[in-house]
Amino acid sequence: MALPPANLIKYKVECVLEMSTIKVSRSTLEELEALREAMKARSIEEVIRWFLKERRQRILEDVFGIDRGRVKPFTEEDRGEDRS
């Protein structure tokens, strides 16, 4: 029986090492499972990643939208050079 390539074995080991276990209450687990079903996600990790992505998006919108409503669109009169 032939052995699989060395890089395949290494990849499998790396994947196993990246896995972690987190402790959550039973009610949190039930909520995550319900969200997983409602979102049609494949795993609870996918649900958690969605929430993390949403949080990052909200932070970016807050930071980069700080002048929203206070900045006027650029006009030709705003140009600082003489084009005559």
Protein backbone atom coordinates (compact mmCIF):
# COMPACT_ATOMS: atom_id res chain seq x y z
CA MET A 1 0.00 0.00 0.00
CA ALA A 2 1.44 3.37 -1.07
CA LEU A 3 1.74 6.19 1.45
CA PRO A 4 0.07 9.55 0.70
CA PRO A 5 2.32 12.47 -0.24
CA ALA A 6 4.09 14.13 2.71
CA ASN A 7 2.40 17.51 2.12
CA LEU A 8 -1.04 15.89 2.44
CA ILE A 9 -0.16 14.44 5.82
CA LYS A 10 1.28 17.76 6.98
CA TYR A 11 -1.88 19.61 5.92
CA LYS A 12 -4.10 17.25 7.88
CA VAL A 13 -1.98 17.72 11.00
CA GLU A 14 -2.12 21.51 10.64
CA CYS A 15 -5.92 21.43 10.35
CA VAL A 16 -6.25 19.38 13.50
CA LEU A 17 -3.96 21.74 15.41
CA GLU A 18 -6.04 24.77 14.39
CA MET A 19 -9.21 23.40 15.98
CA SER A 20 -10.20 24.71 19.41
CA THR A 21 -12.97 24.10 21.86
CA ILE A 22 -14.84 26.94 23.52
CA LYS A 23 -17.07 26.65 26.54
CA VAL A 24 -20.58 28.10 26.24
CA SER A 25 -23.72 27.65 28.28
CA ARG A 26 -26.40 25.22 27.16
CA SER A 27 -28.76 28.13 26.34
CA THR A 28 -26.09 29.81 24.17
CA LEU A 29 -25.53 26.55 22.33
CA GLU A 30 -29.27 26.20 21.73
CA GLU A 31 -29.46 29.76 20.37
CA LEU A 32 -26.49 29.14 18.08
CA GLU A 33 -28.08 25.93 16.81
CA ALA A 34 -31.37 27.74 16.15
CA LEU A 35 -29.51 30.50 14.28
CA ARG A 36 -27.59 27.89 12.29
CA GLU A 37 -30.85 26.35 11.15
CA ALA A 38 -32.50 29.72 10.42
CA MET A 39 -29.47 30.93 8.45
CA LYS A 40 -29.11 27.54 6.73
CA ALA A 41 -25.46 27.56 7.80
CA ARG A 42 -23.41 24.39 7.64
CA SER A 43 -21.93 24.83 11.11
CA ILE A 44 -22.00 26.91 14.26
CA GLU A 45 -18.57 28.23 13.27
CA GLU A 46 -20.16 29.71 10.14
CA VAL A 47 -22.74 31.50 12.32
CA ILE A 48 -20.03 32.89 14.60
CA ARG A 49 -17.95 34.03 11.62
CA TRP A 50 -21.03 35.82 10.21
CA PHE A 51 -21.43 37.74 13.48
CA LEU A 52 -17.74 38.64 13.54
CA LYS A 53 -17.94 39.89 9.94
CA GLU A 54 -21.04 41.96 10.76
CA ARG A 55 -19.28 43.51 13.75
CA ARG A 56 -16.23 44.47 11.66
CA GLN A 57 -18.53 45.94 9.00
CA ARG A 58 -20.35 48.09 11.59
CA ILE A 59 -17.04 49.35 12.98
CA LEU A 60 -15.86 50.29 9.49
CA GLU A 61 -19.14 52.06 8.72
CA ASP A 62 -18.88 54.03 11.96
CA VAL A 63 -15.27 55.07 11.33
CA PHE A 64 -15.51 55.83 7.63
CA GLY A 65 -18.96 57.38 7.82
CA ILE A 66 -18.01 59.96 10.42
CA ASP A 67 -18.44 62.92 8.00
CA ARG A 68 -21.58 61.55 6.38
CA GLY A 69 -24.05 64.40 5.88
CA ARG A 70 -21.44 67.10 6.59
CA VAL A 71 -19.34 66.85 3.42
CA LYS A 72 -20.62 68.46 0.24
CA PRO A 73 -19.99 66.93 -3.20
CA PHE A 74 -16.99 68.25 -5.12
CA THR A 75 -17.75 71.05 -7.62
CA GLU A 76 -15.61 72.75 -10.27
CA GLU A 77 -15.50 75.92 -8.12
CA ASP A 78 -13.65 73.87 -5.51
CA ARG A 79 -10.75 73.29 -7.92
CA GLY A 80 -7.71 75.22 -6.72
CA GLU A 81 -6.01 75.75 -10.08
CA ASP A 82 -6.44 78.43 -12.73
CA ARG A 83 -7.72 76.93 -15.99
CA SER A 84 -8.12 80.15 -17.96
